[in-house]
Amino acid sequence: MTLSEPGEARKYKLTDKLEVTLWDRIELEMEKSLCLADLFEEILKKYDLVCRDVFYGNRPIYLDKMASANIDGKEKTLKKGLLNDLLNLDENDAELKYVDLTVTYSKKDG
């Protein structure tokens, strides 16, 4: 049996501002009182990516296709507090240092 070092992970250029591998993660430092729209705006501003869906573990928090069917509901959901309203976490909890979310996205122009 032979052991070897794994090769370098393949890189994918998502935008002019962002190149990633399958193992990369994006970490954003944001206020605990942010709403979903703030998160979407930050990702758009930093990486030119449009957020589509948001998951907390396996629980969907926001699904663009479902929200797009009800524009009024979409606007209300985007303005809800991410921690308190959507994730049911206490934003005043001093031990809450981070939240892992999975976000699907598309390029800004397509």
N, C-alpha and C. Protein backbone atom coordinates (compact mmCIF):
# COMPACT_ATOMS: atom_id res chain seq x y z
N MET A 1 0.85 -1.16 0.00
CA MET A 1 0.00 0.00 0.00
C MET A 1 0.90 1.24 0.00
N THR A 2 0.51 2.22 -0.76
CA THR A 2 1.27 3.46 -0.85
C THR A 2 0.40 4.62 -0.39
N LEU A 3 1.00 5.54 0.31
CA LEU A 3 0.31 6.75 0.75
C LEU A 3 0.89 7.94 0.00
N SER A 4 0.03 8.88 -0.29
CA SER A 4 0.52 10.08 -0.96
C SER A 4 -0.29 11.28 -0.49
N GLU A 5 0.26 12.43 -0.76
CA GLU A 5 -0.44 13.67 -0.44
C GLU A 5 -1.56 13.87 -1.45
N PRO A 6 -2.69 14.38 -1.01
CA PRO A 6 -3.75 14.68 -1.97
C PRO A 6 -3.33 15.84 -2.87
N GLY A 7 -3.84 15.84 -4.06
CA GLY A 7 -3.54 16.95 -4.97
C GLY A 7 -4.25 18.21 -4.54
N GLU A 8 -3.87 19.31 -5.15
CA GLU A 8 -4.52 20.59 -4.84
C GLU A 8 -5.97 20.55 -5.31
N ALA A 9 -6.85 21.11 -4.52
CA ALA A 9 -8.27 21.12 -4.87
C ALA A 9 -8.50 22.00 -6.10
N ARG A 10 -9.40 21.56 -6.97
CA ARG A 10 -9.71 22.32 -8.17
C ARG A 10 -10.36 23.64 -7.79
N LYS A 11 -9.96 24.71 -8.49
CA LYS A 11 -10.50 26.05 -8.21
C LYS A 11 -11.54 26.41 -9.25
N TYR A 12 -12.57 27.10 -8.77
CA TYR A 12 -13.66 27.55 -9.62
C TYR A 12 -13.75 29.06 -9.52
N LYS A 13 -13.71 29.74 -10.65
CA LYS A 13 -13.84 31.20 -10.65
C LYS A 13 -15.33 31.53 -10.75
N LEU A 14 -15.90 32.02 -9.67
CA LEU A 14 -17.32 32.34 -9.65
C LEU A 14 -17.59 33.73 -10.22
N THR A 15 -16.77 34.69 -9.81
CA THR A 15 -16.87 36.06 -10.31
C THR A 15 -15.45 36.61 -10.40
N ASP A 16 -15.32 37.83 -10.87
CA ASP A 16 -14.00 38.47 -10.91
C ASP A 16 -13.43 38.65 -9.50
N LYS A 17 -14.30 38.69 -8.51
CA LYS A 17 -13.88 38.92 -7.13
C LYS A 17 -13.69 37.64 -6.33
N LEU A 18 -14.12 36.50 -6.85
CA LEU A 18 -14.16 35.30 -6.02
C LEU A 18 -13.79 34.03 -6.80
N GLU A 19 -12.78 33.34 -6.28
CA GLU A 19 -12.37 32.04 -6.79
C GLU A 19 -12.34 31.10 -5.60
N VAL A 20 -12.98 29.93 -5.73
CA VAL A 20 -13.13 29.03 -4.59
C VAL A 20 -12.82 27.59 -4.98
N THR A 21 -12.63 26.75 -3.95
CA THR A 21 -12.56 25.31 -4.12
C THR A 21 -13.80 24.73 -3.44
N LEU A 22 -14.00 23.44 -3.57
CA LEU A 22 -15.15 22.81 -2.90
C LEU A 22 -15.03 22.87 -1.39
N TRP A 23 -13.83 23.09 -0.88
CA TRP A 23 -13.60 23.08 0.56
C TRP A 23 -13.66 24.47 1.19
N ASP A 24 -13.77 25.50 0.38
CA ASP A 24 -13.78 26.86 0.90
C ASP A 24 -15.10 27.19 1.57
N ARG A 25 -15.03 28.12 2.49
CA ARG A 25 -16.21 28.66 3.13
C ARG A 25 -16.05 30.16 3.21
N ILE A 26 -17.12 30.87 3.15
CA ILE A 26 -17.10 32.32 3.25
C ILE A 26 -17.57 32.70 4.64
N GLU A 27 -16.78 33.51 5.30
CA GLU A 27 -17.15 33.96 6.64
C GLU A 27 -17.37 35.46 6.60
N LEU A 28 -18.50 35.89 7.11
CA LEU A 28 -18.84 37.30 7.16
C LEU A 28 -19.06 37.71 8.60
N GLU A 29 -18.49 38.83 8.99
CA GLU A 29 -18.76 39.37 10.32
C GLU A 29 -19.85 40.41 10.17
N MET A 30 -20.97 40.16 10.84
CA MET A 30 -22.11 41.06 10.72
C MET A 30 -22.74 41.27 12.09
N GLU A 31 -23.55 42.28 12.18
CA GLU A 31 -24.27 42.56 13.42
C GLU A 31 -25.25 41.44 13.73
N LYS A 32 -25.46 41.20 15.02
CA LYS A 32 -26.41 40.16 15.41
C LYS A 32 -27.84 40.54 15.07
N SER A 33 -28.10 41.81 14.89
CA SER A 33 -29.47 42.27 14.62
C SER A 33 -29.79 42.34 13.12
N LEU A 34 -28.92 41.76 12.28
CA LEU A 34 -29.14 41.88 10.84
C LEU A 34 -30.40 41.14 10.39
N CYS A 35 -30.93 41.60 9.28
CA CYS A 35 -32.05 40.91 8.65
C CYS A 35 -31.53 40.19 7.41
N LEU A 36 -32.35 39.37 6.83
CA LEU A 36 -31.95 38.59 5.67
C LEU A 36 -31.52 39.50 4.51
N ALA A 37 -32.21 40.62 4.33
CA ALA A 37 -31.86 41.56 3.26
C ALA A 37 -30.44 42.10 3.46
N ASP A 38 -30.03 42.32 4.72
CA ASP A 38 -28.66 42.79 5.01
C ASP A 38 -27.63 41.75 4.57
N LEU A 39 -27.90 40.50 4.87
CA LEU A 39 -27.00 39.42 4.46
C LEU A 39 -26.89 39.35 2.95
N PHE A 40 -28.02 39.41 2.26
CA PHE A 40 -28.03 39.36 0.80
C PHE A 40 -27.26 40.54 0.21
N GLU A 41 -27.45 41.71 0.77
CA GLU A 41 -26.76 42.92 0.29
C GLU A 41 -25.25 42.81 0.49
N GLU A 42 -24.83 42.29 1.61
CA GLU A 42 -23.40 42.13 1.90
C GLU A 42 -22.74 41.16 0.91
N ILE A 43 -23.39 40.06 0.63
CA ILE A 43 -22.84 39.09 -0.32
C ILE A 43 -22.82 39.67 -1.74
N LEU A 44 -23.84 40.41 -2.10
CA LEU A 44 -23.87 41.06 -3.41
C LEU A 44 -22.76 42.08 -3.54
N LYS A 45 -22.59 42.88 -2.50
CA LYS A 45 -21.57 43.94 -2.51
C LYS A 45 -20.15 43.36 -2.55
N LYS A 46 -19.89 42.35 -1.73
CA LYS A 46 -18.53 41.80 -1.63
C LYS A 46 -18.16 40.89 -2.79
N TYR A 47 -19.12 40.08 -3.28
CA TYR A 47 -18.78 39.02 -4.22
C TYR A 47 -19.54 39.07 -5.55
N ASP A 48 -20.43 40.03 -5.73
CA ASP A 48 -21.27 40.11 -6.93
C ASP A 48 -22.10 38.84 -7.14
N LEU A 49 -22.59 38.27 -6.06
CA LEU A 49 -23.43 37.08 -6.13
C LEU A 49 -24.82 37.41 -5.59
N VAL A 50 -25.84 36.92 -6.26
CA VAL A 50 -27.22 37.12 -5.85
C VAL A 50 -27.67 35.89 -5.08
N CYS A 51 -28.07 36.08 -3.84
CA CYS A 51 -28.51 34.96 -3.00
C CYS A 51 -29.86 34.45 -3.47
N ARG A 52 -30.01 33.14 -3.47
CA ARG A 52 -31.27 32.51 -3.90
C ARG A 52 -31.97 31.81 -2.74
N ASP A 53 -31.28 30.89 -2.09
CA ASP A 53 -31.87 30.10 -1.01
C ASP A 53 -30.94 30.13 0.20
N VAL A 54 -31.53 30.02 1.38
CA VAL A 54 -30.76 29.99 2.62
C VAL A 54 -31.24 28.83 3.47
N PHE A 55 -30.29 28.03 3.96
CA PHE A 55 -30.60 26.89 4.81
C PHE A 55 -29.82 27.00 6.12
N TYR A 56 -30.46 26.59 7.20
CA TYR A 56 -29.82 26.48 8.50
C TYR A 56 -29.85 24.99 8.83
N GLY A 57 -28.70 24.33 8.66
CA GLY A 57 -28.68 22.87 8.73
C GLY A 57 -29.46 22.35 7.53
N ASN A 58 -30.44 21.51 7.76
CA ASN A 58 -31.26 21.03 6.64
C ASN A 58 -32.60 21.76 6.57
N ARG A 59 -32.76 22.79 7.38
CA ARG A 59 -34.02 23.54 7.44
C ARG A 59 -33.98 24.75 6.49
N PRO A 60 -34.88 24.82 5.52
CA PRO A 60 -34.89 25.99 4.65
C PRO A 60 -35.38 27.22 5.42
N ILE A 61 -34.63 28.30 5.31
CA ILE A 61 -35.00 29.57 5.94
C ILE A 61 -35.64 30.49 4.91
N TYR A 62 -35.13 30.43 3.69
CA TYR A 62 -35.63 31.27 2.60
C TYR A 62 -35.44 30.51 1.30
N LEU A 63 -36.49 30.40 0.51
CA LEU A 63 -36.43 29.78 -0.81
C LEU A 63 -36.94 30.79 -1.83
N ASP A 64 -36.07 31.21 -2.72
CA ASP A 64 -36.38 32.27 -3.66
C ASP A 64 -37.59 31.95 -4.54
N LYS A 65 -37.67 30.74 -5.05
CA LYS A 65 -38.79 30.37 -5.93
C LYS A 65 -40.13 30.48 -5.21
N MET A 66 -40.16 30.06 -3.96
CA MET A 66 -41.42 30.14 -3.20
C MET A 66 -41.73 31.58 -2.84
N ALA A 67 -40.70 32.33 -2.47
CA ALA A 67 -40.90 33.72 -2.07
C ALA A 67 -41.32 34.58 -3.27
N SER A 68 -40.78 34.27 -4.44
CA SER A 68 -41.11 35.05 -5.64
C SER A 68 -42.57 34.92 -6.03
N ALA A 69 -43.21 33.86 -5.62
CA ALA A 69 -44.63 33.66 -5.92
C ALA A 69 -45.50 34.62 -5.13
N ASN A 70 -44.98 35.16 -4.04
CA ASN A 70 -45.73 36.08 -3.19
C ASN A 70 -44.82 37.26 -2.86
N ILE A 71 -44.86 38.30 -3.69
CA ILE A 71 -43.94 39.43 -3.56
C ILE A 71 -44.07 40.12 -2.19
N ASP A 72 -45.30 40.30 -1.69
CA ASP A 72 -45.47 40.93 -0.37
C ASP A 72 -44.83 40.09 0.72
N GLY A 73 -45.03 38.78 0.64
CA GLY A 73 -44.43 37.87 1.61
C GLY A 73 -42.91 37.87 1.51
N LYS A 74 -42.40 38.00 0.29
CA LYS A 74 -40.95 38.04 0.08
C LYS A 74 -40.34 39.24 0.78
N GLU A 75 -40.93 40.41 0.59
CA GLU A 75 -40.42 41.63 1.23
C GLU A 75 -40.47 41.53 2.75
N LYS A 76 -41.53 40.97 3.28
CA LYS A 76 -41.65 40.81 4.74
C LYS A 76 -40.58 39.85 5.27
N THR A 77 -40.36 38.75 4.56
CA THR A 77 -39.36 37.78 4.99
C THR A 77 -37.97 38.37 4.96
N LEU A 78 -37.65 39.13 3.92
CA LEU A 78 -36.32 39.73 3.81
C LEU A 78 -36.04 40.74 4.92
N LYS A 79 -37.09 41.34 5.46
CA LYS A 79 -36.92 42.33 6.52
C LYS A 79 -36.94 41.72 7.93
N LYS A 80 -37.21 40.43 8.04
CA LYS A 80 -37.24 39.78 9.36
C LYS A 80 -35.83 39.63 9.91
N GLY A 81 -35.71 39.70 11.22
CA GLY A 81 -34.42 39.49 11.87
C GLY A 81 -33.96 38.06 11.67
N LEU A 82 -32.74 37.89 11.23
CA LEU A 82 -32.24 36.55 10.91
C LEU A 82 -32.18 35.67 12.15
N LEU A 83 -31.59 36.15 13.23
CA LEU A 83 -31.41 35.31 14.42
C LEU A 83 -32.72 35.10 15.17
N ASN A 84 -33.38 36.18 15.56
CA ASN A 84 -34.59 36.06 16.38
C ASN A 84 -35.77 35.49 15.62
N ASP A 85 -36.10 36.06 14.48
CA ASP A 85 -37.33 35.72 13.78
C ASP A 85 -37.23 34.45 12.94
N LEU A 86 -36.14 34.31 12.19
CA LEU A 86 -36.05 33.20 11.25
C LEU A 86 -35.38 31.96 11.83
N LEU A 87 -34.38 32.15 12.68
CA LEU A 87 -33.66 31.00 13.25
C LEU A 87 -34.09 30.66 14.67
N ASN A 88 -34.91 31.51 15.27
CA ASN A 88 -35.36 31.32 16.65
C ASN A 88 -34.20 31.22 17.63
N LEU A 89 -33.17 32.04 17.42
CA LEU A 89 -32.02 32.12 18.32
C LEU A 89 -32.08 33.45 19.05
N ASP A 90 -31.50 33.54 20.23
CA ASP A 90 -31.49 34.77 21.01
C ASP A 90 -30.28 35.60 20.61
N GLU A 91 -30.50 36.72 19.94
CA GLU A 91 -29.38 37.56 19.50
C GLU A 91 -28.63 38.18 20.68
N ASN A 92 -29.21 38.16 21.88
CA ASN A 92 -28.54 38.70 23.07
C ASN A 92 -27.70 37.65 23.79
N ASP A 93 -27.68 36.43 23.30
CA ASP A 93 -26.90 35.35 23.90
C ASP A 93 -25.41 35.63 23.67
N ALA A 94 -24.67 35.87 24.75
CA ALA A 94 -23.25 36.20 24.65
C ALA A 94 -22.43 35.06 24.07
N GLU A 95 -22.93 33.84 24.20
CA GLU A 95 -22.19 32.67 23.70
C GLU A 95 -22.39 32.44 22.21
N LEU A 96 -23.32 33.15 21.61
CA LEU A 96 -23.59 33.00 20.18
C LEU A 96 -22.51 33.75 19.40
N LYS A 97 -21.53 33.01 18.91
CA LYS A 97 -20.40 33.62 18.21
C LYS A 97 -20.54 33.53 16.69
N TYR A 98 -21.19 32.50 16.20
CA TYR A 98 -21.37 32.34 14.77
C TYR A 98 -22.59 31.48 14.48
N VAL A 99 -23.05 31.57 13.25
CA VAL A 99 -24.16 30.75 12.77
C VAL A 99 -23.74 30.22 11.40
N ASP A 100 -23.82 28.91 11.22
CA ASP A 100 -23.51 28.30 9.93
C ASP A 100 -24.76 28.27 9.06
N LEU A 101 -24.68 28.93 7.92
CA LEU A 101 -25.77 28.93 6.96
C LEU A 101 -25.24 28.40 5.63
N THR A 102 -26.08 27.75 4.89
CA THR A 102 -25.75 27.36 3.52
C THR A 102 -26.58 28.26 2.62
N VAL A 103 -25.89 28.96 1.71
CA VAL A 103 -26.55 29.91 0.83
C VAL A 103 -26.30 29.51 -0.62
N THR A 104 -27.36 29.35 -1.38
CA THR A 104 -27.20 29.14 -2.82
C THR A 104 -27.27 30.50 -3.49
N TYR A 105 -26.67 30.62 -4.64
CA TYR A 105 -26.54 31.93 -5.27
C TYR A 105 -26.42 31.77 -6.78
N SER A 106 -26.49 32.89 -7.46
CA SER A 106 -26.23 32.92 -8.89
C SER A 106 -25.41 34.18 -9.16
N LYS A 107 -24.85 34.25 -10.36
CA LYS A 107 -24.10 35.44 -10.73
C LYS A 107 -25.06 36.62 -10.86
N LYS A 108 -24.54 37.78 -10.60
CA LYS A 108 -25.33 39.01 -10.61
C LYS A 108 -26.04 39.21 -11.95
N ASP A 109 -25.36 38.89 -13.04
CA ASP A 109 -25.91 39.15 -14.37
C ASP A 109 -26.62 37.96 -14.99
N GLY A 110 -26.87 36.92 -14.20
CA GLY A 110 -27.50 35.79 -14.85
C GLY A 110 -28.10 34.83 -13.98
